Amino acid sequence: MSEPSSYAMGHDDRERRRLALQASILNPLTDQLFHRAGISSGMNVLDIGCGVGDVSLLAARLVGRDGSVTSVDIDPPALETLAARAANEGITNIECIRADIHEWTPGRRFDAVVGRHILIHTKDPLAVIRRCAALLHQRGLAAFHEYDFSVVHRGWPPTPLRDRVMDVFDRFFTRVTYSNIGSRLWNLLTEAGFERPDCRAEYPISGGADSVYLQWIVESFRSLQPRALAEGIVAADEFDLDTLEQRLREEASAGNSSFPAPAMVGAFTRLRA
């Protein structure tokens, strides 16, 4: 596994738009996870690797005016986007912090730490979770949502082009970090000092030529392609990004096919007493 020097998908406006598209699909799953975990009114929540803030906004609505969300990321434009979104919604309980979670010293502790698709981009996810544990009050709560590309299910009727693209995702994250980070959550959390977590694997399924999933797949592929090329995971002439989305739509239309999103594992637990 090579050592990633930064977020593998890049930091630019196009990637931030991709995150917003992704959130429109995945937010309901994360909202359900937070409800099951017990994120509730009055809690002070830390969101690590918050990006453009979809998870922070979900948490802020749950904790209400008596609670707070501290949103940490290394990308200033992403934090600016989050601040603007919060202002547009009249949400005043989010504090945006530009910091590396490994080095940041907040001077306070939190009731809960949350994160979505952050551990998959880290070189040492156990170190990150241990760092988060150190920032929690006694019996503090952790809730994470992570992909597991090792269990991506195939489309039906068959979608060989889409399946090949998803295979690249698995190979990419296996090379640059951990493609099966979702399956690792139970072990990571217990190793970091938490109780046995409640874990659930799930994914939404879409279908048809007009599915927004196909745009999501292509935009995600666009984000990782430069590094995938550099790592030798994919050949430069295998995929034409200018036509890939249309080809995927034609494939879906020809077979009236459905296609699962990548599997995600949601896990929540509390620090051991």
Protein backbone atom coordinates (compact mmCIF):
# COMPACT_ATOMS: atom_id res chain seq x y z
CA MET A 1 0.00 0.00 0.00
CA SER A 2 1.46 3.35 -1.01
CA GLU A 3 1.30 6.23 1.45
CA PRO A 4 -1.22 8.89 0.47
CA SER A 5 0.01 12.44 0.89
CA SER A 6 -3.48 13.91 0.95
CA TYR A 7 -7.15 13.23 0.32
CA ALA A 8 -7.04 10.84 -2.62
CA MET A 9 -9.92 12.47 -4.53
CA GLY A 10 -8.36 15.94 -4.65
CA HIS A 11 -9.36 19.40 -3.44
CA ASP A 12 -11.06 21.49 -6.14
CA ASP A 13 -14.47 22.90 -7.02
CA ARG A 14 -15.41 19.93 -9.16
CA GLU A 15 -14.68 17.52 -6.31
CA ARG A 16 -16.73 19.64 -3.93
CA ARG A 17 -19.66 19.46 -6.37
CA ARG A 18 -19.20 15.68 -6.52
CA LEU A 19 -19.41 15.52 -2.74
CA ALA A 20 -22.69 17.42 -2.83
CA LEU A 21 -24.08 15.00 -5.45
CA GLN A 22 -22.95 12.04 -3.35
CA ALA A 23 -24.55 13.51 -0.26
CA SER A 24 -27.91 13.80 -1.99
CA ILE A 25 -27.86 10.00 -2.29
CA LEU A 26 -26.26 9.00 1.00
CA ASN A 27 -27.57 11.52 3.53
CA PRO A 28 -30.69 9.50 4.38
CA LEU A 29 -28.51 6.54 5.38
CA THR A 30 -26.26 8.68 7.56
CA ASP A 31 -29.25 10.40 9.14
CA GLN A 32 -30.65 6.99 10.10
CA LEU A 33 -27.25 5.99 11.53
CA PHE A 34 -27.13 9.10 13.71
CA HIS A 35 -30.65 8.50 15.00
CA ARG A 36 -29.78 4.91 15.90
CA ALA A 37 -26.53 6.04 17.50
CA GLY A 38 -28.30 8.55 19.72
CA ILE A 39 -27.05 11.88 18.36
CA SER A 40 -29.59 14.16 20.02
CA SER A 41 -30.48 17.56 21.41
CA GLY A 42 -27.83 19.37 23.40
CA MET A 43 -24.85 17.22 22.39
CA ASN A 44 -21.51 18.71 21.38
CA VAL A 45 -20.36 16.81 18.28
CA LEU A 46 -17.01 16.71 16.49
CA ASP A 47 -17.15 16.02 12.72
CA ILE A 48 -13.73 15.01 11.38
CA GLY A 49 -12.94 15.46 7.69
CA CYS A 50 -16.18 17.37 7.27
CA GLY A 51 -15.63 18.46 3.65
CA VAL A 52 -18.46 20.65 2.37
CA GLY A 53 -20.44 19.82 5.48
CA ASP A 54 -23.31 17.46 4.75
CA VAL A 55 -22.61 15.35 7.82
CA SER A 56 -22.10 18.45 9.96
CA LEU A 57 -25.46 19.84 8.85
CA LEU A 58 -27.18 16.54 9.64
CA ALA A 59 -25.66 16.54 13.12
CA ALA A 60 -26.41 20.22 13.70
CA ARG A 61 -30.11 19.70 13.03
CA LEU A 62 -30.18 16.81 15.51
CA VAL A 63 -28.36 18.57 18.36
CA GLY A 64 -30.34 21.79 17.96
CA ARG A 65 -29.60 25.21 19.38
CA ASP A 66 -28.56 23.79 22.75
CA GLY A 67 -25.87 21.66 21.11
CA SER A 68 -22.96 22.35 18.80
CA VAL A 69 -20.97 20.85 15.95
CA THR A 70 -17.25 21.44 15.50
CA SER A 71 -16.33 20.73 11.88
CA VAL A 72 -12.68 20.01 11.12
CA ASP A 73 -11.09 19.75 7.67
CA ILE A 74 -7.82 20.70 5.97
CA ASP A 75 -9.49 22.26 2.89
CA PRO A 76 -10.33 25.98 3.42
CA PRO A 77 -12.73 26.31 0.43
CA ALA A 78 -14.70 23.30 1.68
CA LEU A 79 -15.04 24.94 5.10
CA GLU A 80 -16.13 28.18 3.44
CA THR A 81 -18.79 26.24 1.56
CA LEU A 82 -20.01 24.68 4.81
CA ALA A 83 -20.16 28.06 6.55
CA ALA A 84 -22.18 29.53 3.68
CA ARG A 85 -24.57 26.58 3.62
CA ALA A 86 -25.12 26.82 7.36
CA ALA A 87 -25.79 30.56 7.10
CA ASN A 88 -28.28 30.00 4.27
CA GLU A 89 -30.19 27.55 6.46
CA GLY A 90 -30.02 29.75 9.53
CA ILE A 91 -27.91 27.18 11.36
CA THR A 92 -25.71 28.94 13.91
CA ASN A 93 -24.31 26.05 15.97
CA ILE A 94 -21.49 24.96 13.63
CA GLU A 95 -17.89 26.04 14.15
CA CYS A 96 -15.52 25.46 11.23
CA ILE A 97 -11.89 24.66 12.05
CA ARG A 98 -9.07 24.25 9.55
CA ALA A 99 -6.82 21.62 11.11
CA ASP A 100 -5.21 18.21 10.82
CA ILE A 101 -6.94 15.96 13.35
CA HIS A 102 -3.57 14.44 14.30
CA GLU A 103 -2.18 17.81 15.38
CA TRP A 104 -5.24 19.76 16.50
CA THR A 105 -5.66 20.53 20.21
CA PRO A 106 -9.20 21.83 20.81
CA GLY A 107 -8.86 22.55 24.52
CA ARG A 108 -12.17 20.82 25.22
CA ARG A 109 -13.85 17.44 24.96
CA PHE A 110 -16.89 16.33 22.99
CA ASP A 111 -19.93 14.16 23.57
CA ALA A 112 -19.61 12.46 20.20
CA VAL A 113 -17.33 12.18 17.18
CA VAL A 114 -18.69 11.43 13.72
CA GLY A 115 -17.24 10.95 10.27
CA ARG A 116 -18.23 9.74 6.82
CA HIS A 117 -15.75 8.41 4.27
CA ILE A 118 -12.79 9.82 6.16
CA LEU A 119 -11.02 6.70 7.45
CA ILE A 120 -10.78 5.26 3.92
CA HIS A 121 -8.54 8.20 3.04
CA THR A 122 -6.18 7.87 6.01
CA LYS A 123 -2.86 6.05 6.19
CA ASP A 124 -3.44 4.91 9.78
CA PRO A 125 -7.18 4.73 10.59
CA LEU A 126 -6.54 3.22 14.02
CA ALA A 127 -4.42 6.21 14.99
CA VAL A 128 -7.20 8.54 13.84
CA ILE A 129 -9.84 6.71 15.91
CA ARG A 130 -7.56 6.67 18.95
CA ARG A 131 -7.03 10.40 18.53
CA CYS A 132 -10.78 10.89 18.36
CA ALA A 133 -11.26 8.77 21.48
CA ALA A 134 -8.89 11.07 23.35
CA LEU A 135 -11.11 14.04 22.48
CA LEU A 136 -14.29 12.52 23.96
CA HIS A 137 -15.83 12.77 27.38
CA GLN A 138 -16.02 9.60 29.45
CA ARG A 139 -18.41 7.17 27.73
CA GLY A 140 -18.34 9.38 24.65
CA LEU A 141 -20.02 8.24 21.43
CA ALA A 142 -18.46 7.48 18.05
CA ALA A 143 -20.40 7.02 14.80
CA PHE A 144 -18.70 6.36 11.47
CA HIS A 145 -19.95 5.60 7.97
CA GLU A 146 -17.38 3.99 5.65
CA TYR A 147 -17.37 2.37 2.22
CA ASP A 148 -16.41 -1.22 1.66
CA PHE A 149 -15.47 -1.65 -1.99
CA SER A 150 -14.51 -5.29 -1.42
CA VAL A 151 -18.23 -6.20 -1.46
CA VAL A 152 -19.58 -4.11 -4.35
CA HIS A 153 -22.43 -6.09 -5.89
CA ARG A 154 -22.88 -6.41 -9.62
CA GLY A 155 -25.73 -4.90 -11.56
CA TRP A 156 -28.66 -6.95 -12.84
CA PRO A 157 -29.28 -7.65 -15.63
CA PRO A 158 -25.52 -7.63 -16.14
CA THR A 159 -23.72 -4.29 -16.42
CA PRO A 160 -20.14 -5.21 -17.36
CA LEU A 161 -18.98 -1.64 -18.01
CA ARG A 162 -20.32 -0.36 -14.71
CA ASP A 163 -18.90 -3.40 -12.91
CA ARG A 164 -15.47 -2.80 -14.45
CA VAL A 165 -15.52 0.82 -13.25
CA MET A 166 -16.39 -0.31 -9.73
CA ASP A 167 -13.55 -2.85 -9.88
CA VAL A 168 -11.18 0.06 -10.47
CA PHE A 169 -12.48 1.71 -7.29
CA ASP A 170 -11.70 -1.44 -5.31
CA ARG A 171 -8.21 -1.73 -6.78
CA PHE A 172 -7.58 1.99 -6.30
CA PHE A 173 -8.47 2.09 -2.61
CA THR A 174 -6.68 -1.20 -1.99
CA ARG A 175 -3.55 0.43 -3.38
CA VAL A 176 -3.75 3.85 -1.71
CA THR A 177 -5.46 2.93 1.58
CA TYR A 178 -8.02 0.27 2.62
CA SER A 179 -10.84 -0.62 0.23
CA ASN A 180 -12.44 -2.80 2.92
CA ILE A 181 -12.37 -0.16 5.65
CA GLY A 182 -16.07 -0.72 6.35
CA SER A 183 -15.45 -4.33 7.35
CA ARG A 184 -12.55 -3.16 9.52
CA LEU A 185 -14.66 -0.76 11.60
CA TRP A 186 -15.66 -3.29 14.26
CA ASN A 187 -12.03 -4.25 14.89
CA LEU A 188 -10.71 -0.68 14.70
CA LEU A 189 -13.22 0.69 17.18
CA THR A 190 -12.67 -2.06 19.73
CA GLU A 191 -8.88 -1.76 19.38
CA ALA A 192 -9.21 2.01 20.04
CA GLY A 193 -10.95 1.51 23.37
CA PHE A 194 -14.61 1.47 22.43
CA GLU A 195 -17.24 -1.10 23.34
CA ARG A 196 -18.38 -3.66 20.80
CA PRO A 197 -19.97 -1.49 18.11
CA ASP A 198 -23.35 -1.83 16.48
CA CYS A 199 -22.49 -2.32 12.80
CA ARG A 200 -24.75 -2.50 9.77
CA ALA A 201 -23.85 -2.85 6.09
CA GLU A 202 -26.24 -1.36 3.56
CA TYR A 203 -26.44 0.37 0.23
CA PRO A 204 -29.12 1.97 -1.91
CA ILE A 205 -29.96 0.54 -5.34
CA SER A 206 -30.96 2.57 -8.37
CA GLY A 207 -31.60 1.71 -12.00
CA GLY A 208 -32.47 2.91 -15.45
CA ALA A 209 -30.80 5.21 -17.92
CA ASP A 210 -31.85 8.39 -16.07
CA SER A 211 -30.35 7.41 -12.71
CA VAL A 212 -28.27 10.08 -10.97
CA TYR A 213 -26.06 7.23 -9.77
CA LEU A 214 -24.40 7.11 -13.18
CA GLN A 215 -23.31 10.74 -12.97
CA TRP A 216 -22.11 10.05 -9.42
CA ILE A 217 -20.03 7.06 -10.59
CA VAL A 218 -18.42 9.03 -13.41
CA GLU A 219 -17.67 12.10 -11.32
CA SER A 220 -16.14 9.90 -8.62
CA PHE A 221 -14.07 8.14 -11.26
CA ARG A 222 -12.96 11.50 -12.61
CA SER A 223 -11.67 12.46 -9.16
CA LEU A 224 -9.53 9.36 -8.71
CA GLN A 225 -8.40 8.88 -12.33
CA PRO A 226 -5.20 11.02 -12.19
CA ARG A 227 -3.84 9.09 -9.24
CA ALA A 228 -5.12 5.76 -10.61
CA LEU A 229 -3.16 6.44 -13.80
CA ALA A 230 -0.05 7.36 -11.82
CA GLU A 231 -0.35 4.18 -9.75
CA GLY A 232 -0.75 2.02 -12.87
CA ILE A 233 -4.18 0.83 -11.79
CA VAL A 234 -5.85 1.76 -15.06
CA ALA A 235 -4.54 2.36 -18.58
CA ALA A 236 -4.81 5.85 -20.04
CA ASP A 237 -6.82 4.63 -23.04
CA GLU A 238 -9.26 2.32 -21.23
CA PHE A 239 -11.89 4.91 -20.31
CA ASP A 240 -12.94 8.03 -22.20
CA LEU A 241 -14.39 10.27 -19.50
CA ASP A 242 -16.14 12.42 -22.11
CA THR A 243 -18.28 9.46 -23.20
CA LEU A 244 -18.28 7.20 -20.13
CA GLU A 245 -21.51 8.49 -18.61
CA GLN A 246 -23.40 8.13 -21.89
CA ARG A 247 -22.05 4.59 -22.35
CA LEU A 248 -23.19 3.68 -18.85
CA ARG A 249 -26.64 5.08 -19.57
CA GLU A 250 -26.88 3.12 -22.79
CA GLU A 251 -25.86 -0.05 -20.93
CA ALA A 252 -28.47 0.56 -18.23
CA SER A 253 -31.16 1.31 -20.79
CA ALA A 254 -30.43 -1.75 -22.95
CA GLY A 255 -30.86 -4.14 -20.03
CA ASN A 256 -33.30 -2.14 -17.87
CA SER A 257 -30.63 -2.77 -15.28
CA SER A 258 -30.41 -1.97 -11.61
CA PHE A 259 -27.08 -1.19 -9.95
CA PRO A 260 -26.24 -1.11 -6.26
CA ALA A 261 -24.21 1.72 -4.82
CA PRO A 262 -21.00 0.70 -3.05
CA ALA A 263 -21.63 -0.97 0.27
CA MET A 264 -21.34 1.22 3.34
CA VAL A 265 -20.89 0.09 6.92
CA GLY A 266 -22.38 2.26 9.65
CA ALA A 267 -20.96 1.69 13.12
CA PHE A 268 -21.61 3.36 16.45
CA THR A 269 -20.39 2.67 19.95
CA ARG A 270 -19.27 4.29 23.22
CA LEU A 271 -15.94 4.47 24.99
CA ARG A 272 -15.44 1.68 27.46
CA ALA A 273 -15.80 2.80 31.06
